[in-house]
Amino acid sequence: MGNITDFLVANPNLPFLIAGCVVVGLFILESVLMTIGHSTMLTHGDVDFSLDLDGNGIPDYLEHGGLHFGDVLNPGHIPATMFLVVFCGAFSLLGYTGQWIYLGATGGLAPMLLSLPITLVPTLAVSRWTSVGMAKIMPQDETNAIALESLAGDAGILTAGPVSGLNDFGMARFTDKYGTDHHLMVGGATNDVIESGSNVVLVGPHPDKAIAFIVRKI
């Protein structure tokens, strides 16, 4: 390895170089935006990943053990841009550090297929811990008011039912990320009967009733 530049741009280190460039690019973007009074790092679009791969209106994490990937990866719910900086920064730093140690021990660089998974595991751990720490010190919203539509994909309980179909209404309770309960008028997304006390997921606003929502049974 001739010099530090050769080390940084070596082919096995390409993923770590790209991750570092992402961090630099985001800081440049943030600097430009801040000159005009905007910021991407203080907006609350946190990492969520409520995937619905089978398209049935129920997030997959609710159907497979209740494990929400966004809560596991970003438990502090820091903004997505900030999380991306943390993740890419940790990935780049840990990757280059590991390759430097490997180079000193063997005289060569670890192949990409080996270095990537080895680096990814501690990167996920560092990102998670950093998410929690940053959430404690970053500015918080002055209000815990939310748009009810943002509860779409959340699990709740049908408290007054049964309901069957869009125009058969009951009440369901959902708890937002601030711990506040919301009691919503709901109809069923299908004609299947949903009994009172059933666990449901909020699919979205009712297509005809402005004050109502539709749910599916989990």
N, C-alpha and C. Protein backbone atom coordinates (compact mmCIF):
# COMPACT_ATOMS: atom_id res chain seq x y z
N MET A 1 0.86 -1.18 0.00
CA MET A 1 0.00 0.00 0.00
C MET A 1 0.89 1.23 0.00
N GLY A 2 0.90 2.00 -1.11
CA GLY A 2 1.85 3.08 -1.29
C GLY A 2 1.70 4.23 -0.31
N ASN A 3 0.52 4.77 -0.16
CA ASN A 3 0.30 5.90 0.74
C ASN A 3 -1.15 5.89 1.23
N ILE A 4 -1.47 6.89 2.04
CA ILE A 4 -2.80 6.93 2.64
C ILE A 4 -3.90 7.09 1.60
N THR A 5 -3.61 7.81 0.51
CA THR A 5 -4.62 7.97 -0.54
C THR A 5 -4.93 6.65 -1.21
N ASP A 6 -3.87 5.87 -1.49
CA ASP A 6 -4.09 4.55 -2.08
C ASP A 6 -4.93 3.67 -1.15
N PHE A 7 -4.68 3.79 0.14
CA PHE A 7 -5.45 3.01 1.11
C PHE A 7 -6.92 3.42 1.10
N LEU A 8 -7.19 4.72 1.08
CA LEU A 8 -8.57 5.21 1.15
C LEU A 8 -9.39 4.81 -0.07
N VAL A 9 -8.76 4.82 -1.25
CA VAL A 9 -9.50 4.58 -2.48
C VAL A 9 -9.33 3.16 -3.01
N ALA A 10 -8.68 2.31 -2.26
CA ALA A 10 -8.50 0.93 -2.70
C ALA A 10 -9.85 0.26 -2.90
N ASN A 11 -9.94 -0.64 -3.86
CA ASN A 11 -11.21 -1.26 -4.22
C ASN A 11 -11.90 -1.96 -3.04
N PRO A 12 -11.18 -2.71 -2.18
CA PRO A 12 -11.88 -3.34 -1.04
C PRO A 12 -12.47 -2.32 -0.06
N ASN A 13 -11.97 -1.09 -0.11
CA ASN A 13 -12.46 -0.05 0.79
C ASN A 13 -13.52 0.84 0.16
N LEU A 14 -13.97 0.49 -1.04
CA LEU A 14 -14.92 1.34 -1.76
C LEU A 14 -16.21 1.61 -0.97
N PRO A 15 -16.82 0.62 -0.29
CA PRO A 15 -18.04 0.92 0.48
C PRO A 15 -17.80 1.95 1.59
N PHE A 16 -16.63 1.89 2.21
CA PHE A 16 -16.33 2.82 3.28
C PHE A 16 -16.05 4.22 2.73
N LEU A 17 -15.48 4.28 1.54
CA LEU A 17 -15.26 5.57 0.88
C LEU A 17 -16.59 6.21 0.52
N ILE A 18 -17.51 5.41 -0.03
CA ILE A 18 -18.83 5.94 -0.41
C ILE A 18 -19.57 6.44 0.83
N ALA A 19 -19.52 5.67 1.92
CA ALA A 19 -20.19 6.08 3.15
C ALA A 19 -19.62 7.40 3.66
N GLY A 20 -18.29 7.55 3.60
CA GLY A 20 -17.68 8.79 4.03
C GLY A 20 -18.09 9.96 3.15
N CYS A 21 -18.19 9.72 1.84
CA CYS A 21 -18.62 10.77 0.92
C CYS A 21 -20.06 11.19 1.18
N VAL A 22 -20.91 10.23 1.58
CA VAL A 22 -22.30 10.55 1.92
C VAL A 22 -22.33 11.51 3.11
N VAL A 23 -21.52 11.24 4.11
CA VAL A 23 -21.46 12.12 5.29
C VAL A 23 -21.02 13.53 4.89
N VAL A 24 -19.95 13.61 4.09
CA VAL A 24 -19.46 14.91 3.65
C VAL A 24 -20.52 15.63 2.83
N GLY A 25 -21.19 14.90 1.93
CA GLY A 25 -22.22 15.50 1.09
C GLY A 25 -23.39 16.03 1.90
N LEU A 26 -23.80 15.29 2.93
CA LEU A 26 -24.90 15.73 3.77
C LEU A 26 -24.54 16.96 4.58
N PHE A 27 -23.28 17.03 5.05
CA PHE A 27 -22.85 18.22 5.79
C PHE A 27 -22.80 19.44 4.89
N ILE A 28 -22.38 19.24 3.64
CA ILE A 28 -22.37 20.36 2.70
C ILE A 28 -23.81 20.83 2.43
N LEU A 29 -24.71 19.87 2.20
CA LEU A 29 -26.11 20.20 1.97
C LEU A 29 -26.69 20.94 3.17
N GLU A 30 -26.40 20.44 4.38
CA GLU A 30 -26.92 21.07 5.59
C GLU A 30 -26.38 22.49 5.74
N SER A 31 -25.10 22.69 5.41
CA SER A 31 -24.50 24.02 5.51
C SER A 31 -25.18 25.00 4.57
N VAL A 32 -25.46 24.54 3.35
CA VAL A 32 -26.14 25.40 2.38
C VAL A 32 -27.55 25.73 2.84
N LEU A 33 -28.27 24.72 3.33
CA LEU A 33 -29.65 24.94 3.77
C LEU A 33 -29.72 25.88 4.97
N MET A 34 -28.75 25.76 5.86
CA MET A 34 -28.77 26.61 7.06
C MET A 34 -28.54 28.08 6.72
N THR A 35 -27.89 28.35 5.60
CA THR A 35 -27.69 29.75 5.21
C THR A 35 -29.00 30.40 4.79
N ILE A 36 -30.00 29.59 4.46
CA ILE A 36 -31.30 30.14 4.07
C ILE A 36 -32.37 29.82 5.12
N GLY A 37 -31.90 29.38 6.30
CA GLY A 37 -32.83 29.19 7.41
C GLY A 37 -33.54 27.87 7.44
N HIS A 38 -33.00 26.85 6.80
CA HIS A 38 -33.63 25.53 6.82
C HIS A 38 -32.67 24.50 7.39
N SER A 39 -33.21 23.35 7.75
CA SER A 39 -32.39 22.26 8.25
C SER A 39 -33.10 20.95 8.01
N THR A 40 -32.34 19.94 7.60
CA THR A 40 -32.91 18.59 7.44
C THR A 40 -32.72 17.76 8.68
N MET A 41 -31.82 18.18 9.56
CA MET A 41 -31.47 17.34 10.71
C MET A 41 -32.34 17.59 11.93
N LEU A 42 -33.22 18.59 11.88
CA LEU A 42 -34.10 18.85 13.00
C LEU A 42 -35.56 18.63 12.63
N THR A 43 -35.79 17.96 11.49
CA THR A 43 -37.15 17.62 11.10
C THR A 43 -37.45 16.21 11.59
N HIS A 44 -38.71 15.98 11.93
CA HIS A 44 -39.05 14.71 12.58
C HIS A 44 -39.58 13.69 11.59
N GLY A 45 -38.71 13.26 10.67
CA GLY A 45 -39.04 12.14 9.81
C GLY A 45 -38.14 10.99 10.20
N ASP A 46 -38.43 10.37 11.38
CA ASP A 46 -37.48 9.40 11.89
C ASP A 46 -37.54 8.10 11.11
N VAL A 47 -36.54 7.26 11.36
CA VAL A 47 -36.43 5.99 10.64
C VAL A 47 -37.54 5.07 11.11
N ASP A 48 -38.37 4.58 10.18
CA ASP A 48 -39.56 3.84 10.55
C ASP A 48 -39.53 2.43 9.97
N PHE A 49 -39.52 2.28 8.65
CA PHE A 49 -39.46 0.99 7.98
C PHE A 49 -40.65 0.10 8.32
N SER A 50 -41.87 0.66 8.27
CA SER A 50 -43.07 -0.15 8.49
C SER A 50 -43.46 -0.81 7.16
N LEU A 51 -42.73 -1.86 6.81
CA LEU A 51 -42.92 -2.50 5.52
C LEU A 51 -44.21 -3.31 5.48
N ASP A 52 -44.84 -3.35 4.31
CA ASP A 52 -46.03 -4.15 4.08
C ASP A 52 -45.82 -4.88 2.75
N LEU A 53 -44.97 -5.90 2.79
CA LEU A 53 -44.55 -6.55 1.55
C LEU A 53 -45.67 -7.35 0.89
N ASP A 54 -46.63 -7.86 1.69
CA ASP A 54 -47.70 -8.64 1.09
C ASP A 54 -48.90 -7.77 0.72
N GLY A 55 -48.85 -6.47 1.01
CA GLY A 55 -49.88 -5.54 0.55
C GLY A 55 -51.24 -5.73 1.16
N ASN A 56 -51.31 -6.26 2.38
CA ASN A 56 -52.63 -6.48 2.98
C ASN A 56 -53.03 -5.37 3.93
N GLY A 57 -52.25 -4.28 3.96
CA GLY A 57 -52.59 -3.15 4.82
C GLY A 57 -52.11 -3.27 6.24
N ILE A 58 -51.43 -4.37 6.58
CA ILE A 58 -50.90 -4.57 7.92
C ILE A 58 -49.38 -4.59 7.84
N PRO A 59 -48.69 -3.67 8.55
CA PRO A 59 -47.22 -3.69 8.54
C PRO A 59 -46.69 -5.07 8.92
N ASP A 60 -45.66 -5.52 8.23
CA ASP A 60 -45.17 -6.88 8.43
C ASP A 60 -44.69 -7.13 9.85
N TYR A 61 -44.18 -6.10 10.53
CA TYR A 61 -43.69 -6.33 11.88
C TYR A 61 -44.81 -6.72 12.83
N LEU A 62 -46.06 -6.31 12.53
CA LEU A 62 -47.18 -6.67 13.39
C LEU A 62 -47.60 -8.12 13.18
N GLU A 63 -47.26 -8.66 12.00
CA GLU A 63 -47.67 -10.03 11.70
C GLU A 63 -46.61 -11.05 12.08
N HIS A 64 -45.41 -10.58 12.41
CA HIS A 64 -44.31 -11.50 12.67
C HIS A 64 -43.63 -11.15 13.99
N GLY A 65 -44.36 -11.30 15.06
CA GLY A 65 -43.78 -11.16 16.38
C GLY A 65 -43.75 -9.77 16.95
N GLY A 66 -44.26 -8.76 16.23
CA GLY A 66 -44.32 -7.42 16.77
C GLY A 66 -42.99 -6.69 16.81
N LEU A 67 -41.98 -7.14 16.07
CA LEU A 67 -40.67 -6.50 16.07
C LEU A 67 -40.65 -5.38 15.05
N HIS A 68 -40.60 -4.14 15.51
CA HIS A 68 -40.60 -2.97 14.64
C HIS A 68 -39.15 -2.59 14.36
N PHE A 69 -38.72 -2.73 13.09
CA PHE A 69 -37.32 -2.53 12.73
C PHE A 69 -36.86 -1.12 13.04
N GLY A 70 -37.75 -0.13 12.84
CA GLY A 70 -37.37 1.24 13.13
C GLY A 70 -37.08 1.45 14.61
N ASP A 71 -37.86 0.82 15.49
CA ASP A 71 -37.64 0.95 16.93
C ASP A 71 -36.35 0.26 17.36
N VAL A 72 -35.99 -0.83 16.70
CA VAL A 72 -34.77 -1.55 17.04
C VAL A 72 -33.55 -0.78 16.57
N LEU A 73 -33.60 -0.28 15.34
CA LEU A 73 -32.44 0.38 14.74
C LEU A 73 -32.26 1.80 15.26
N ASN A 74 -33.35 2.52 15.44
CA ASN A 74 -33.30 3.93 15.83
C ASN A 74 -34.23 4.16 17.01
N PRO A 75 -33.89 3.59 18.20
CA PRO A 75 -34.81 3.69 19.34
C PRO A 75 -34.99 5.10 19.85
N GLY A 76 -34.03 6.01 19.58
CA GLY A 76 -34.17 7.40 19.99
C GLY A 76 -35.04 8.21 19.06
N HIS A 77 -35.39 7.63 17.89
CA HIS A 77 -36.22 8.30 16.88
C HIS A 77 -35.65 9.66 16.49
N ILE A 78 -34.33 9.71 16.26
CA ILE A 78 -33.73 10.93 15.76
C ILE A 78 -34.09 11.09 14.29
N PRO A 79 -34.05 12.31 13.74
CA PRO A 79 -34.44 12.52 12.34
C PRO A 79 -33.64 11.64 11.38
N ALA A 80 -34.28 11.29 10.27
CA ALA A 80 -33.69 10.35 9.32
C ALA A 80 -32.34 10.83 8.79
N THR A 81 -32.22 12.12 8.47
CA THR A 81 -30.96 12.62 7.95
C THR A 81 -29.85 12.50 8.97
N MET A 82 -30.17 12.82 10.22
CA MET A 82 -29.18 12.71 11.29
C MET A 82 -28.77 11.25 11.49
N PHE A 83 -29.75 10.35 11.43
CA PHE A 83 -29.43 8.94 11.59
C PHE A 83 -28.54 8.46 10.46
N LEU A 84 -28.80 8.92 9.24
CA LEU A 84 -27.99 8.52 8.10
C LEU A 84 -26.54 8.97 8.27
N VAL A 85 -26.34 10.19 8.79
CA VAL A 85 -24.98 10.69 9.06
C VAL A 85 -24.29 9.80 10.09
N VAL A 86 -25.01 9.47 11.16
CA VAL A 86 -24.44 8.62 12.21
C VAL A 86 -24.07 7.26 11.65
N PHE A 87 -25.00 6.65 10.91
CA PHE A 87 -24.77 5.31 10.38
C PHE A 87 -23.61 5.29 9.40
N CYS A 88 -23.63 6.19 8.42
CA CYS A 88 -22.57 6.20 7.41
C CYS A 88 -21.22 6.58 8.02
N GLY A 89 -21.23 7.52 8.97
CA GLY A 89 -19.99 7.90 9.62
C GLY A 89 -19.39 6.75 10.39
N ALA A 90 -20.20 6.05 11.16
CA ALA A 90 -19.71 4.90 11.93
C ALA A 90 -19.25 3.79 11.00
N PHE A 91 -19.99 3.55 9.93
CA PHE A 91 -19.64 2.49 8.97
C PHE A 91 -18.29 2.79 8.32
N SER A 92 -18.09 4.03 7.90
CA SER A 92 -16.84 4.42 7.26
C SER A 92 -15.67 4.33 8.23
N LEU A 93 -15.83 4.89 9.42
CA LEU A 93 -14.75 4.91 10.40
C LEU A 93 -14.37 3.50 10.85
N LEU A 94 -15.38 2.69 11.17
CA LEU A 94 -15.10 1.34 11.63
C LEU A 94 -14.52 0.49 10.51
N GLY A 95 -15.02 0.70 9.30
CA GLY A 95 -14.50 -0.06 8.17
C GLY A 95 -13.04 0.23 7.89
N TYR A 96 -12.69 1.49 7.84
CA TYR A 96 -11.29 1.86 7.60
C TYR A 96 -10.39 1.41 8.75
N THR A 97 -10.89 1.52 9.97
CA THR A 97 -10.09 1.08 11.12
C THR A 97 -9.82 -0.41 11.05
N GLY A 98 -10.86 -1.18 10.72
CA GLY A 98 -10.68 -2.62 10.60
C GLY A 98 -9.71 -2.98 9.49
N GLN A 99 -9.80 -2.30 8.37
CA GLN A 99 -8.90 -2.58 7.25
C GLN A 99 -7.46 -2.19 7.60
N TRP A 100 -7.29 -1.12 8.35
CA TRP A 100 -5.95 -0.69 8.76
C TRP A 100 -5.29 -1.74 9.66
N ILE A 101 -6.10 -2.27 10.58
CA ILE A 101 -5.60 -3.33 11.48
C ILE A 101 -5.28 -4.58 10.66
N TYR A 102 -6.15 -4.93 9.74
CA TYR A 102 -5.95 -6.11 8.90
C TYR A 102 -4.70 -5.95 8.02
N LEU A 103 -4.51 -4.75 7.51
CA LEU A 103 -3.34 -4.47 6.69
C LEU A 103 -2.05 -4.63 7.50
N GLY A 104 -2.07 -4.12 8.71
CA GLY A 104 -0.88 -4.25 9.54
C GLY A 104 -0.58 -5.69 9.92
N ALA A 105 -1.63 -6.51 10.05
CA ALA A 105 -1.42 -7.90 10.48
C ALA A 105 -1.06 -8.82 9.32
N THR A 106 -1.57 -8.54 8.12
CA THR A 106 -1.39 -9.46 7.00
C THR A 106 -0.62 -8.87 5.82
N GLY A 107 -0.49 -7.56 5.78
CA GLY A 107 0.18 -6.93 4.65
C GLY A 107 -0.74 -6.66 3.47
N GLY A 108 -2.02 -6.99 3.59
CA GLY A 108 -2.99 -6.75 2.52
C GLY A 108 -4.33 -6.36 3.10
N LEU A 109 -5.28 -6.01 2.23
CA LEU A 109 -6.62 -5.61 2.67
C LEU A 109 -7.57 -6.80 2.65
N ALA A 110 -8.49 -6.81 3.59
CA ALA A 110 -9.51 -7.87 3.63
C ALA A 110 -10.44 -7.72 2.43
N PRO A 111 -10.86 -8.81 1.82
CA PRO A 111 -11.80 -8.71 0.70
C PRO A 111 -13.12 -8.09 1.14
N MET A 112 -13.80 -7.46 0.20
CA MET A 112 -15.03 -6.75 0.51
C MET A 112 -16.09 -7.65 1.13
N LEU A 113 -16.20 -8.89 0.65
CA LEU A 113 -17.21 -9.80 1.16
C LEU A 113 -16.96 -10.20 2.61
N LEU A 114 -15.73 -10.02 3.07
CA LEU A 114 -15.41 -10.29 4.46
C LEU A 114 -15.56 -9.04 5.32
N SER A 115 -15.06 -7.92 4.81
CA SER A 115 -15.06 -6.70 5.62
C SER A 115 -16.45 -6.11 5.82
N LEU A 116 -17.33 -6.25 4.82
CA LEU A 116 -18.66 -5.65 4.93
C LEU A 116 -19.48 -6.22 6.09
N PRO A 117 -19.69 -7.54 6.16
CA PRO A 117 -20.52 -8.05 7.27
C PRO A 117 -19.86 -7.84 8.63
N ILE A 118 -18.52 -7.93 8.68
CA ILE A 118 -17.83 -7.73 9.96
C ILE A 118 -18.01 -6.28 10.43
N THR A 119 -18.02 -5.34 9.50
CA THR A 119 -18.17 -3.93 9.86
C THR A 119 -19.62 -3.57 10.17
N LEU A 120 -20.55 -4.22 9.50
CA LEU A 120 -21.96 -3.87 9.64
C LEU A 120 -22.48 -4.11 11.05
N VAL A 121 -22.05 -5.20 11.68
CA VAL A 121 -22.57 -5.55 13.01
C VAL A 121 -22.25 -4.46 14.04
N PRO A 122 -20.99 -4.07 14.22
CA PRO A 122 -20.74 -3.00 15.20
C PRO A 122 -21.33 -1.65 14.77
N THR A 123 -21.46 -1.43 13.45
CA THR A 123 -22.07 -0.18 12.98
C THR A 123 -23.52 -0.08 13.44
N LEU A 124 -24.26 -1.17 13.35
CA LEU A 124 -25.65 -1.17 13.81
C LEU A 124 -25.73 -0.90 15.31
N ALA A 125 -24.81 -1.50 16.07
CA ALA A 125 -24.80 -1.28 17.52
C ALA A 125 -24.46 0.17 17.87
N VAL A 126 -23.44 0.72 17.21
CA VAL A 126 -23.04 2.11 17.47
C VAL A 126 -24.16 3.07 17.08
N SER A 127 -24.81 2.81 15.95
CA SER A 127 -25.91 3.68 15.50
C SER A 127 -27.06 3.66 16.50
N ARG A 128 -27.35 2.49 17.02
CA ARG A 128 -28.44 2.36 18.00
C ARG A 128 -28.12 3.14 19.28
N TRP A 129 -26.91 2.94 19.81
CA TRP A 129 -26.53 3.63 21.04
C TRP A 129 -26.49 5.14 20.83
N THR A 130 -25.98 5.55 19.68
CA THR A 130 -25.89 6.98 19.39
C THR A 130 -27.27 7.59 19.24
N SER A 131 -28.20 6.85 18.66
CA SER A 131 -29.57 7.32 18.50
C SER A 131 -30.18 7.67 19.85
N VAL A 132 -29.97 6.80 20.83
CA VAL A 132 -30.52 7.04 22.16
C VAL A 132 -29.86 8.26 22.81
N GLY A 133 -28.53 8.34 22.70
CA GLY A 133 -27.81 9.45 23.31
C GLY A 133 -28.16 10.79 22.70
N MET A 134 -28.25 10.85 21.38
CA MET A 134 -28.55 12.11 20.71
C MET A 134 -29.98 12.56 20.99
N ALA A 135 -30.89 11.61 21.14
CA ALA A 135 -32.28 11.97 21.41
C ALA A 135 -32.41 12.69 22.75
N LYS A 136 -31.49 12.41 23.69
CA LYS A 136 -31.56 13.02 25.01
C LYS A 136 -31.08 14.47 25.02
N ILE A 137 -30.23 14.83 24.04
CA ILE A 137 -29.64 16.17 24.07
C ILE A 137 -30.15 17.09 22.96
N MET A 138 -30.79 16.52 21.93
CA MET A 138 -31.24 17.36 20.82
C MET A 138 -32.53 18.09 21.20
N PRO A 139 -32.79 19.25 20.58
CA PRO A 139 -34.01 20.00 20.88
C PRO A 139 -35.26 19.18 20.62
N GLN A 140 -36.23 19.33 21.49
CA GLN A 140 -37.48 18.59 21.37
C GLN A 140 -38.59 19.52 20.89
N ASP A 141 -39.63 18.93 20.33
CA ASP A 141 -40.80 19.70 19.94
C ASP A 141 -41.43 20.36 21.17
N GLU A 142 -42.01 21.54 20.99
CA GLU A 142 -42.69 22.21 22.09
C GLU A 142 -44.12 21.69 22.25
N THR A 143 -44.56 20.84 21.37
CA THR A 143 -45.91 20.29 21.46
C THR A 143 -45.87 18.81 21.14
N ASN A 144 -46.79 18.05 21.73
CA ASN A 144 -46.90 16.64 21.39
C ASN A 144 -48.15 16.38 20.56
N ALA A 145 -48.68 17.45 19.97
CA ALA A 145 -49.82 17.29 19.07
C ALA A 145 -49.37 16.56 17.80
N ILE A 146 -50.21 15.67 17.32
CA ILE A 146 -49.89 14.92 16.10
C ILE A 146 -51.09 14.94 15.17
N ALA A 147 -50.84 14.69 13.89
CA ALA A 147 -51.93 14.48 12.94
C ALA A 147 -52.40 13.03 13.10
N LEU A 148 -53.69 12.83 13.22
CA LEU A 148 -54.20 11.48 13.44
C LEU A 148 -53.82 10.54 12.30
N GLU A 149 -53.66 11.10 11.10
CA GLU A 149 -53.28 10.28 9.96
C GLU A 149 -51.92 9.63 10.17
N SER A 150 -51.08 10.23 11.02
CA SER A 150 -49.75 9.68 11.25
C SER A 150 -49.80 8.38 12.05
N LEU A 151 -50.96 8.03 12.60
CA LEU A 151 -51.11 6.77 13.32
C LEU A 151 -51.31 5.60 12.38
N ALA A 152 -51.46 5.85 11.09
CA ALA A 152 -51.64 4.77 10.12
C ALA A 152 -50.49 3.78 10.22
N GLY A 153 -50.83 2.50 10.31
CA GLY A 153 -49.84 1.46 10.48
C GLY A 153 -49.60 1.08 11.93
N ASP A 154 -50.18 1.84 12.87
CA ASP A 154 -50.01 1.54 14.29
C ASP A 154 -51.06 0.54 14.76
N ALA A 155 -50.69 -0.22 15.78
CA ALA A 155 -51.60 -1.20 16.35
C ALA A 155 -52.42 -0.59 17.47
N GLY A 156 -53.64 -1.06 17.62
CA GLY A 156 -54.51 -0.58 18.68
C GLY A 156 -55.50 -1.66 19.07
N ILE A 157 -56.52 -1.27 19.84
CA ILE A 157 -57.53 -2.21 20.33
C ILE A 157 -58.92 -1.67 19.99
N LEU A 158 -59.76 -2.52 19.45
CA LEU A 158 -61.16 -2.15 19.20
C LEU A 158 -61.89 -2.17 20.53
N THR A 159 -62.27 -1.00 21.01
CA THR A 159 -62.89 -0.89 22.34
C THR A 159 -64.40 -0.96 22.30
N ALA A 160 -64.99 -0.66 21.17
CA ALA A 160 -66.45 -0.73 21.03
C ALA A 160 -66.76 -1.34 19.67
N GLY A 161 -67.38 -2.48 19.68
CA GLY A 161 -67.66 -3.19 18.45
C GLY A 161 -68.80 -4.16 18.67
N PRO A 162 -68.99 -5.13 17.81
CA PRO A 162 -68.11 -5.45 16.66
C PRO A 162 -68.34 -4.51 15.48
N VAL A 163 -67.39 -4.59 14.52
CA VAL A 163 -67.55 -3.86 13.27
C VAL A 163 -67.37 -4.84 12.12
N SER A 164 -68.04 -4.56 11.03
CA SER A 164 -67.94 -5.40 9.85
C SER A 164 -68.22 -4.54 8.63
N GLY A 165 -67.18 -4.20 7.89
CA GLY A 165 -67.35 -3.39 6.70
C GLY A 165 -67.13 -1.91 6.96
N LEU A 166 -67.03 -1.16 5.89
CA LEU A 166 -66.70 0.26 5.97
C LEU A 166 -67.73 1.08 6.73
N ASN A 167 -69.00 0.72 6.62
CA ASN A 167 -70.06 1.54 7.19
C ASN A 167 -70.65 0.97 8.48
N ASP A 168 -69.93 0.04 9.08
CA ASP A 168 -70.31 -0.48 10.39
C ASP A 168 -69.27 0.04 11.39
N PHE A 169 -69.64 1.05 12.17
CA PHE A 169 -68.64 1.79 12.94
C PHE A 169 -68.56 1.35 14.40
N GLY A 170 -67.35 1.45 14.90
CA GLY A 170 -67.08 1.24 16.32
C GLY A 170 -66.02 2.22 16.76
N MET A 171 -65.43 1.95 17.92
CA MET A 171 -64.37 2.81 18.45
C MET A 171 -63.12 1.97 18.71
N ALA A 172 -61.97 2.56 18.43
CA ALA A 172 -60.71 1.88 18.70
C ALA A 172 -59.75 2.85 19.39
N ARG A 173 -58.89 2.28 20.23
CA ARG A 173 -57.91 3.09 20.97
C ARG A 173 -56.51 2.85 20.43
N PHE A 174 -55.82 3.94 20.11
CA PHE A 174 -54.43 3.88 19.65
C PHE A 174 -53.59 4.80 20.54
N THR A 175 -52.36 4.40 20.79
CA THR A 175 -51.45 5.18 21.62
C THR A 175 -50.31 5.70 20.76
N ASP A 176 -50.10 7.03 20.77
CA ASP A 176 -49.04 7.60 19.94
C ASP A 176 -47.68 7.50 20.64
N LYS A 177 -46.62 8.00 20.00
CA LYS A 177 -45.27 7.86 20.52
C LYS A 177 -45.03 8.68 21.78
N TYR A 178 -45.95 9.60 22.10
CA TYR A 178 -45.84 10.38 23.33
C TYR A 178 -46.58 9.72 24.50
N GLY A 179 -47.23 8.58 24.22
CA GLY A 179 -47.99 7.89 25.25
C GLY A 179 -49.42 8.36 25.39
N THR A 180 -49.87 9.20 24.47
CA THR A 180 -51.23 9.73 24.52
C THR A 180 -52.19 8.79 23.81
N ASP A 181 -53.32 8.47 24.47
CA ASP A 181 -54.33 7.61 23.86
C ASP A 181 -55.24 8.43 22.95
N HIS A 182 -55.60 7.84 21.81
CA HIS A 182 -56.54 8.46 20.87
C HIS A 182 -57.67 7.46 20.62
N HIS A 183 -58.90 7.90 20.84
CA HIS A 183 -60.07 7.06 20.63
C HIS A 183 -60.72 7.49 19.31
N LEU A 184 -60.68 6.61 18.33
CA LEU A 184 -61.11 6.96 16.98
C LEU A 184 -62.32 6.15 16.55
N MET A 185 -63.20 6.79 15.78
CA MET A 185 -64.30 6.09 15.14
C MET A 185 -63.74 5.31 13.96
N VAL A 186 -64.03 4.01 13.92
CA VAL A 186 -63.44 3.16 12.87
C VAL A 186 -64.47 2.24 12.26
N GLY A 187 -64.20 1.92 11.00
CA GLY A 187 -64.95 0.89 10.30
C GLY A 187 -63.99 -0.19 9.84
N GLY A 188 -64.53 -1.31 9.42
CA GLY A 188 -63.68 -2.41 8.99
C GLY A 188 -63.24 -2.26 7.54
N ALA A 189 -62.00 -2.62 7.27
CA ALA A 189 -61.49 -2.56 5.90
C ALA A 189 -62.12 -3.64 5.03
N THR A 190 -62.57 -4.73 5.66
CA THR A 190 -63.25 -5.82 4.94
C THR A 190 -64.56 -6.11 5.65
N ASN A 191 -65.32 -7.05 5.11
CA ASN A 191 -66.60 -7.42 5.71
C ASN A 191 -66.46 -8.46 6.81
N ASP A 192 -65.23 -8.87 7.10
CA ASP A 192 -65.01 -9.80 8.21
C ASP A 192 -65.37 -9.12 9.53
N VAL A 193 -65.97 -9.88 10.44
CA VAL A 193 -66.39 -9.34 11.73
C VAL A 193 -65.17 -9.18 12.63
N ILE A 194 -65.02 -7.99 13.21
CA ILE A 194 -63.96 -7.72 14.18
C ILE A 194 -64.64 -7.51 15.53
N GLU A 195 -64.39 -8.40 16.46
CA GLU A 195 -65.05 -8.34 17.76
C GLU A 195 -64.40 -7.29 18.65
N SER A 196 -65.17 -6.78 19.59
CA SER A 196 -64.66 -5.84 20.57
C SER A 196 -63.53 -6.50 21.37
N GLY A 197 -62.45 -5.76 21.60
CA GLY A 197 -61.29 -6.29 22.30
C GLY A 197 -60.23 -6.85 21.39
N SER A 198 -60.51 -6.89 20.08
CA SER A 198 -59.54 -7.43 19.13
C SER A 198 -58.41 -6.44 18.89
N ASN A 199 -57.23 -6.97 18.61
CA ASN A 199 -56.11 -6.13 18.19
C ASN A 199 -56.30 -5.76 16.73
N VAL A 200 -56.14 -4.49 16.41
CA VAL A 200 -56.34 -4.01 15.05
C VAL A 200 -55.18 -3.11 14.64
N VAL A 201 -55.05 -2.89 13.35
CA VAL A 201 -54.08 -1.95 12.83
C VAL A 201 -54.83 -0.87 12.06
N LEU A 202 -54.42 0.38 12.25
CA LEU A 202 -55.07 1.49 11.56
C LEU A 202 -54.57 1.54 10.12
N VAL A 203 -55.47 1.33 9.17
CA VAL A 203 -55.08 1.32 7.75
C VAL A 203 -54.98 2.73 7.20
N GLY A 204 -55.94 3.58 7.55
CA GLY A 204 -55.92 4.95 7.05
C GLY A 204 -57.28 5.61 7.20
N PRO A 205 -57.43 6.83 6.67
CA PRO A 205 -58.71 7.54 6.77
C PRO A 205 -59.83 6.80 6.04
N HIS A 206 -61.05 6.96 6.53
CA HIS A 206 -62.22 6.38 5.87
C HIS A 206 -62.45 7.11 4.55
N PRO A 207 -62.76 6.40 3.48
CA PRO A 207 -62.90 7.05 2.17
C PRO A 207 -64.11 7.97 2.06
N ASP A 208 -65.11 7.78 2.94
CA ASP A 208 -66.34 8.57 2.83
C ASP A 208 -66.60 9.47 4.04
N LYS A 209 -66.22 9.04 5.23
CA LYS A 209 -66.48 9.78 6.46
C LYS A 209 -65.21 10.50 6.91
N ALA A 210 -65.28 11.83 6.95
CA ALA A 210 -64.08 12.62 7.26
C ALA A 210 -63.57 12.38 8.67
N ILE A 211 -64.46 12.03 9.60
CA ILE A 211 -64.04 11.89 10.99
C ILE A 211 -63.73 10.44 11.35
N ALA A 212 -63.78 9.53 10.40
CA ALA A 212 -63.60 8.11 10.71
C ALA A 212 -62.37 7.55 10.00
N PHE A 213 -61.98 6.36 10.45
CA PHE A 213 -60.83 5.65 9.90
C PHE A 213 -61.23 4.21 9.64
N ILE A 214 -60.36 3.48 8.96
CA ILE A 214 -60.62 2.07 8.72
C ILE A 214 -59.50 1.24 9.35
N VAL A 215 -59.87 0.05 9.82
CA VAL A 215 -58.91 -0.82 10.50
C VAL A 215 -59.02 -2.24 9.95
N ARG A 216 -57.95 -2.98 10.19
CA ARG A 216 -57.93 -4.43 9.92
C ARG A 216 -57.61 -5.16 11.22
N LYS A 217 -58.13 -6.36 11.34
CA LYS A 217 -57.81 -7.20 12.50
C LYS A 217 -56.42 -7.80 12.31
N ILE A 218 -55.66 -7.82 13.37
CA ILE A 218 -54.32 -8.42 13.33
C ILE A 218 -54.43 -9.89 13.70
